[in-house]
N, C-alpha and C. Protein backbone atom coordinates (compact mmCIF):
# COMPACT_ATOMS: atom_id res chain seq x y z
N MET A 1 19.79 63.04 -34.46
CA MET A 1 20.63 62.43 -35.46
C MET A 1 21.96 63.19 -35.45
N LEU A 2 23.03 62.48 -35.14
CA LEU A 2 24.36 63.09 -35.11
C LEU A 2 25.00 62.95 -36.48
N THR A 3 25.47 64.07 -37.03
CA THR A 3 26.11 64.05 -38.34
C THR A 3 27.47 64.73 -38.24
N GLY A 4 28.31 64.48 -39.23
CA GLY A 4 29.64 65.09 -39.27
C GLY A 4 30.59 64.18 -40.00
N GLY A 5 31.71 64.73 -40.39
CA GLY A 5 32.72 63.98 -41.10
C GLY A 5 33.43 62.97 -40.20
N SER A 6 34.25 62.17 -40.81
CA SER A 6 35.05 61.20 -40.06
C SER A 6 35.93 61.93 -39.05
N GLY A 7 35.92 61.46 -37.81
CA GLY A 7 36.73 62.09 -36.78
C GLY A 7 36.11 63.32 -36.15
N SER A 8 34.86 63.64 -36.50
CA SER A 8 34.23 64.85 -35.96
C SER A 8 33.71 64.66 -34.53
N GLY A 9 33.65 63.41 -34.06
CA GLY A 9 33.24 63.18 -32.68
C GLY A 9 31.85 62.58 -32.51
N LYS A 10 31.25 62.10 -33.59
CA LYS A 10 29.90 61.53 -33.49
C LYS A 10 29.86 60.36 -32.51
N SER A 11 30.76 59.41 -32.66
CA SER A 11 30.77 58.24 -31.78
C SER A 11 31.15 58.62 -30.36
N ASP A 12 32.07 59.57 -30.21
CA ASP A 12 32.45 60.05 -28.89
C ASP A 12 31.24 60.62 -28.16
N LEU A 13 30.49 61.47 -28.84
CA LEU A 13 29.30 62.05 -28.23
C LEU A 13 28.25 60.97 -27.96
N ALA A 14 28.08 60.05 -28.89
CA ALA A 14 27.11 58.97 -28.70
C ALA A 14 27.46 58.13 -27.47
N LEU A 15 28.73 57.84 -27.27
CA LEU A 15 29.15 57.07 -26.09
C LEU A 15 28.88 57.84 -24.80
N ARG A 16 29.09 59.16 -24.82
CA ARG A 16 28.79 59.97 -23.64
C ARG A 16 27.29 60.00 -23.35
N LEU A 17 26.49 60.03 -24.41
CA LEU A 17 25.04 60.01 -24.24
C LEU A 17 24.58 58.67 -23.67
N VAL A 18 25.12 57.58 -24.20
CA VAL A 18 24.78 56.24 -23.70
C VAL A 18 25.16 56.11 -22.23
N ALA A 19 26.29 56.67 -21.84
CA ALA A 19 26.73 56.61 -20.45
C ALA A 19 25.75 57.33 -19.52
N ARG A 20 24.95 58.24 -20.07
CA ARG A 20 23.97 58.99 -19.27
C ARG A 20 22.56 58.45 -19.44
N GLY A 21 22.44 57.24 -20.02
CA GLY A 21 21.13 56.61 -20.11
C GLY A 21 20.43 56.66 -21.45
N TRP A 22 21.00 57.35 -22.43
CA TRP A 22 20.41 57.38 -23.75
C TRP A 22 20.68 56.02 -24.41
N ARG A 23 19.98 55.72 -25.50
CA ARG A 23 20.17 54.45 -26.20
C ARG A 23 20.58 54.71 -27.64
N LEU A 24 21.50 53.91 -28.09
CA LEU A 24 22.01 53.97 -29.46
C LEU A 24 20.93 53.48 -30.43
N VAL A 25 20.81 54.13 -31.58
CA VAL A 25 19.99 53.60 -32.67
C VAL A 25 20.92 52.93 -33.66
N GLY A 26 21.95 53.63 -34.10
CA GLY A 26 22.89 53.05 -35.04
C GLY A 26 24.15 53.86 -35.13
N ASP A 27 25.18 53.24 -35.65
CA ASP A 27 26.47 53.90 -35.84
C ASP A 27 26.84 53.80 -37.31
N ASP A 28 27.47 54.81 -37.83
CA ASP A 28 27.90 54.91 -39.24
C ASP A 28 26.75 55.21 -40.18
N TYR A 29 25.73 54.37 -40.21
CA TYR A 29 24.58 54.67 -41.04
C TYR A 29 23.35 53.96 -40.51
N VAL A 30 22.18 54.54 -40.82
CA VAL A 30 20.90 54.00 -40.38
C VAL A 30 19.91 54.11 -41.54
N HIS A 31 18.83 53.38 -41.46
CA HIS A 31 17.72 53.54 -42.40
C HIS A 31 16.89 54.72 -41.91
N VAL A 32 16.61 55.67 -42.79
CA VAL A 32 15.81 56.84 -42.44
C VAL A 32 14.59 56.88 -43.35
N TRP A 33 13.42 57.17 -42.77
CA TRP A 33 12.21 57.26 -43.57
C TRP A 33 11.25 58.27 -42.95
N ALA A 34 10.34 58.74 -43.79
CA ALA A 34 9.32 59.68 -43.34
C ALA A 34 7.98 58.94 -43.28
N SER A 35 7.18 59.29 -42.26
CA SER A 35 5.85 58.71 -42.12
C SER A 35 4.96 59.73 -41.44
N GLU A 36 3.86 60.09 -42.08
CA GLU A 36 2.89 61.03 -41.54
C GLU A 36 3.55 62.33 -41.08
N GLY A 37 4.48 62.84 -41.87
CA GLY A 37 5.11 64.11 -41.57
C GLY A 37 6.19 64.07 -40.50
N ARG A 38 6.57 62.88 -40.09
CA ARG A 38 7.64 62.72 -39.10
C ARG A 38 8.77 61.92 -39.70
N LEU A 39 9.95 62.07 -39.10
CA LEU A 39 11.15 61.40 -39.59
C LEU A 39 11.58 60.35 -38.57
N PHE A 40 11.97 59.17 -39.07
CA PHE A 40 12.36 58.06 -38.20
C PHE A 40 13.66 57.43 -38.69
N ALA A 41 14.33 56.72 -37.78
CA ALA A 41 15.55 55.99 -38.12
C ALA A 41 15.53 54.63 -37.43
N ALA A 42 16.16 53.67 -38.08
CA ALA A 42 16.31 52.33 -37.52
C ALA A 42 17.71 51.84 -37.89
N PRO A 43 18.30 51.00 -37.04
CA PRO A 43 19.65 50.51 -37.35
C PRO A 43 19.66 49.54 -38.53
N VAL A 44 20.79 49.49 -39.19
CA VAL A 44 21.00 48.49 -40.22
C VAL A 44 21.21 47.17 -39.50
N GLU A 45 20.48 46.14 -39.88
CA GLU A 45 20.47 44.89 -39.13
C GLU A 45 21.85 44.29 -38.88
N THR A 46 22.74 44.36 -39.86
CA THR A 46 24.05 43.71 -39.71
C THR A 46 24.96 44.37 -38.68
N ILE A 47 24.67 45.65 -38.35
CA ILE A 47 25.51 46.33 -37.35
C ILE A 47 24.69 46.89 -36.19
N ALA A 48 23.46 46.42 -36.03
CA ALA A 48 22.60 46.90 -34.94
C ALA A 48 23.26 46.63 -33.60
N GLY A 49 23.26 47.64 -32.75
CA GLY A 49 23.83 47.50 -31.42
C GLY A 49 25.34 47.55 -31.36
N GLN A 50 25.96 47.98 -32.44
CA GLN A 50 27.42 48.08 -32.47
C GLN A 50 27.84 49.51 -32.75
N ILE A 51 28.94 49.91 -32.10
CA ILE A 51 29.50 51.24 -32.31
C ILE A 51 31.02 51.10 -32.30
N GLU A 52 31.67 51.88 -33.14
CA GLU A 52 33.13 51.88 -33.17
C GLU A 52 33.65 52.95 -32.22
N ALA A 53 34.48 52.52 -31.29
CA ALA A 53 35.11 53.44 -30.35
C ALA A 53 36.60 53.46 -30.64
N ARG A 54 37.10 54.62 -31.02
CA ARG A 54 38.53 54.72 -31.35
C ARG A 54 39.37 54.23 -30.18
N GLY A 55 40.33 53.39 -30.49
CA GLY A 55 41.22 52.85 -29.48
C GLY A 55 40.72 51.57 -28.85
N LEU A 56 39.42 51.26 -29.03
CA LEU A 56 38.84 50.04 -28.46
C LEU A 56 38.34 49.09 -29.53
N GLY A 57 37.91 49.63 -30.65
CA GLY A 57 37.33 48.80 -31.71
C GLY A 57 35.81 48.81 -31.65
N ILE A 58 35.21 47.71 -32.07
CA ILE A 58 33.75 47.61 -32.12
C ILE A 58 33.22 47.16 -30.76
N LEU A 59 32.25 47.92 -30.24
CA LEU A 59 31.61 47.60 -28.96
C LEU A 59 30.15 47.25 -29.18
N ALA A 60 29.63 46.33 -28.39
CA ALA A 60 28.21 46.01 -28.41
C ALA A 60 27.51 46.81 -27.32
N LEU A 61 26.42 47.47 -27.69
CA LEU A 61 25.66 48.29 -26.74
C LEU A 61 24.17 48.01 -26.89
N PRO A 62 23.41 48.19 -25.82
CA PRO A 62 21.96 48.13 -25.97
C PRO A 62 21.53 49.19 -26.98
N HIS A 63 20.52 48.88 -27.77
CA HIS A 63 20.09 49.84 -28.78
C HIS A 63 18.58 49.85 -28.93
N ARG A 64 18.10 50.90 -29.55
CA ARG A 64 16.67 51.03 -29.85
C ARG A 64 16.43 50.46 -31.24
N PRO A 65 15.31 49.79 -31.44
CA PRO A 65 15.00 49.25 -32.77
C PRO A 65 14.60 50.34 -33.76
N ALA A 66 14.14 51.48 -33.25
CA ALA A 66 13.78 52.62 -34.09
C ALA A 66 13.60 53.83 -33.19
N SER A 67 13.67 55.02 -33.80
CA SER A 67 13.49 56.25 -33.03
C SER A 67 13.04 57.37 -33.97
N ARG A 68 12.28 58.29 -33.42
CA ARG A 68 11.90 59.48 -34.16
C ARG A 68 13.08 60.44 -34.16
N ILE A 69 13.30 61.12 -35.26
CA ILE A 69 14.35 62.13 -35.39
C ILE A 69 13.68 63.49 -35.36
N SER A 70 14.08 64.33 -34.41
CA SER A 70 13.52 65.68 -34.35
C SER A 70 14.59 66.76 -34.45
N LEU A 71 15.86 66.35 -34.42
CA LEU A 71 16.96 67.31 -34.44
C LEU A 71 18.16 66.70 -35.15
N ARG A 72 18.73 67.46 -36.06
CA ARG A 72 19.99 67.08 -36.70
C ARG A 72 21.09 67.90 -36.04
N VAL A 73 22.10 67.20 -35.51
CA VAL A 73 23.21 67.84 -34.83
C VAL A 73 24.47 67.65 -35.65
N ASP A 74 25.08 68.74 -36.10
CA ASP A 74 26.36 68.68 -36.80
C ASP A 74 27.46 68.72 -35.76
N CYS A 75 28.11 67.59 -35.54
CA CYS A 75 29.19 67.50 -34.55
C CYS A 75 30.43 68.21 -35.08
N ALA A 76 31.01 69.04 -34.24
CA ALA A 76 32.19 69.81 -34.63
C ALA A 76 33.20 69.79 -33.49
N ARG A 77 34.41 70.02 -33.82
CA ARG A 77 35.47 70.18 -32.83
C ARG A 77 36.02 71.60 -32.93
N GLU A 78 35.07 72.52 -32.92
CA GLU A 78 35.40 73.94 -32.99
C GLU A 78 34.29 74.72 -32.33
N THR A 79 34.60 75.92 -31.94
CA THR A 79 33.63 76.78 -31.28
C THR A 79 32.50 77.12 -32.24
N VAL A 80 31.27 77.09 -31.73
CA VAL A 80 30.12 77.48 -32.54
C VAL A 80 29.58 78.81 -32.01
N GLU A 81 28.69 79.44 -32.78
CA GLU A 81 28.15 80.73 -32.38
C GLU A 81 27.45 80.64 -31.03
N ARG A 82 27.61 81.68 -30.23
CA ARG A 82 26.99 81.70 -28.90
C ARG A 82 25.49 81.89 -28.98
N LEU A 83 25.02 82.72 -29.88
CA LEU A 83 23.59 83.00 -30.03
C LEU A 83 23.19 82.80 -31.49
N PRO A 84 23.13 81.56 -31.93
CA PRO A 84 22.86 81.31 -33.35
C PRO A 84 21.39 81.55 -33.70
N VAL A 85 21.16 81.84 -34.95
CA VAL A 85 19.81 81.93 -35.48
C VAL A 85 19.30 80.50 -35.63
N PRO A 86 18.08 80.20 -35.16
CA PRO A 86 17.56 78.83 -35.31
C PRO A 86 17.58 78.38 -36.77
N GLN A 87 17.97 77.13 -36.98
CA GLN A 87 18.09 76.58 -38.32
C GLN A 87 17.21 75.34 -38.45
N THR A 88 16.83 75.04 -39.69
CA THR A 88 16.12 73.82 -39.99
C THR A 88 16.76 73.17 -41.20
N THR A 89 16.45 71.90 -41.39
CA THR A 89 16.91 71.17 -42.56
C THR A 89 15.81 70.21 -42.97
N ALA A 90 15.74 69.90 -44.25
CA ALA A 90 14.73 68.95 -44.74
C ALA A 90 15.42 67.63 -45.08
N ILE A 91 14.87 66.54 -44.54
CA ILE A 91 15.35 65.19 -44.82
C ILE A 91 14.14 64.36 -45.20
N ALA A 92 14.19 63.72 -46.36
CA ALA A 92 13.09 62.90 -46.86
C ALA A 92 11.77 63.69 -46.85
N GLY A 93 11.87 64.99 -47.14
CA GLY A 93 10.68 65.83 -47.21
C GLY A 93 10.14 66.31 -45.88
N VAL A 94 10.83 66.01 -44.78
CA VAL A 94 10.40 66.44 -43.45
C VAL A 94 11.38 67.49 -42.93
N THR A 95 10.87 68.61 -42.47
CA THR A 95 11.70 69.68 -41.93
C THR A 95 11.88 69.45 -40.43
N ILE A 96 13.15 69.44 -40.00
CA ILE A 96 13.48 69.27 -38.58
C ILE A 96 14.47 70.36 -38.18
N ALA A 97 14.61 70.56 -36.88
CA ALA A 97 15.59 71.52 -36.36
C ALA A 97 17.00 71.02 -36.67
N HIS A 98 17.92 71.95 -36.77
CA HIS A 98 19.30 71.65 -37.15
C HIS A 98 20.22 72.57 -36.37
N MET A 99 21.23 72.01 -35.72
CA MET A 99 22.16 72.85 -34.96
C MET A 99 23.58 72.31 -35.02
N PRO A 100 24.56 73.19 -35.06
CA PRO A 100 25.95 72.76 -34.88
C PRO A 100 26.23 72.63 -33.39
N LEU A 101 27.11 71.70 -33.02
CA LEU A 101 27.44 71.51 -31.61
C LEU A 101 28.93 71.19 -31.49
N ASP A 102 29.63 71.98 -30.70
CA ASP A 102 31.03 71.68 -30.37
C ASP A 102 31.00 70.55 -29.35
N ILE A 103 31.44 69.36 -29.74
CA ILE A 103 31.33 68.19 -28.87
C ILE A 103 32.44 68.12 -27.83
N ARG A 104 33.42 69.00 -27.88
CA ARG A 104 34.56 68.92 -26.96
C ARG A 104 34.20 69.19 -25.49
N PRO A 105 33.37 70.16 -25.17
CA PRO A 105 33.09 70.42 -23.75
C PRO A 105 32.31 69.27 -23.11
N VAL A 106 32.56 69.06 -21.84
CA VAL A 106 31.81 68.06 -21.08
C VAL A 106 30.32 68.40 -21.13
N SER A 107 29.99 69.67 -21.22
CA SER A 107 28.59 70.11 -21.23
C SER A 107 27.87 69.83 -22.54
N ALA A 108 28.53 69.26 -23.54
CA ALA A 108 27.88 68.99 -24.83
C ALA A 108 26.65 68.11 -24.66
N VAL A 109 26.71 67.12 -23.77
CA VAL A 109 25.57 66.24 -23.53
C VAL A 109 24.40 67.03 -22.98
N GLU A 110 24.65 67.88 -21.99
CA GLU A 110 23.58 68.69 -21.41
C GLU A 110 23.04 69.70 -22.42
N THR A 111 23.93 70.28 -23.22
CA THR A 111 23.50 71.23 -24.25
C THR A 111 22.55 70.54 -25.22
N LEU A 112 22.89 69.34 -25.64
CA LEU A 112 22.04 68.59 -26.56
C LEU A 112 20.69 68.26 -25.91
N ALA A 113 20.71 67.81 -24.66
CA ALA A 113 19.46 67.49 -23.96
C ALA A 113 18.57 68.73 -23.87
N LEU A 114 19.15 69.88 -23.56
CA LEU A 114 18.38 71.12 -23.47
C LEU A 114 17.81 71.51 -24.82
N ALA A 115 18.60 71.33 -25.88
CA ALA A 115 18.11 71.66 -27.23
C ALA A 115 16.91 70.80 -27.58
N ILE A 116 16.96 69.51 -27.26
CA ILE A 116 15.84 68.62 -27.56
C ILE A 116 14.62 68.99 -26.72
N SER A 117 14.82 69.36 -25.47
CA SER A 117 13.69 69.72 -24.61
C SER A 117 12.99 70.98 -25.09
N ARG A 118 13.66 71.80 -25.87
CA ARG A 118 13.09 73.05 -26.36
C ARG A 118 12.29 72.86 -27.65
N LEU A 119 12.38 71.69 -28.24
CA LEU A 119 11.68 71.47 -29.52
C LEU A 119 10.18 71.34 -29.35
């Protein structure tokens, strides 16, 4: 789950992930719920499969109807700690991993993939 303020790079990172074979769940907001100790998200029906790309407008992309959330990523356009202490956050009563990520480097996609593989 990519989080951050307006202009923090969430859609930019999502587009880079999609270009590498990942699938969009939703842009701007999603339905989030807990089930059996796990956290899930699904797109809002009216904007499912759509993402806003600055300079292009609204784009249609293949999307997933739902996905499990195991990591909250705070998108930033600033340097983050090199050796951070692992963090967690609780959403809808479910504790998941939480990390800040500087989305500016090309390696941000690989960094995110490695973080997920370590969960």
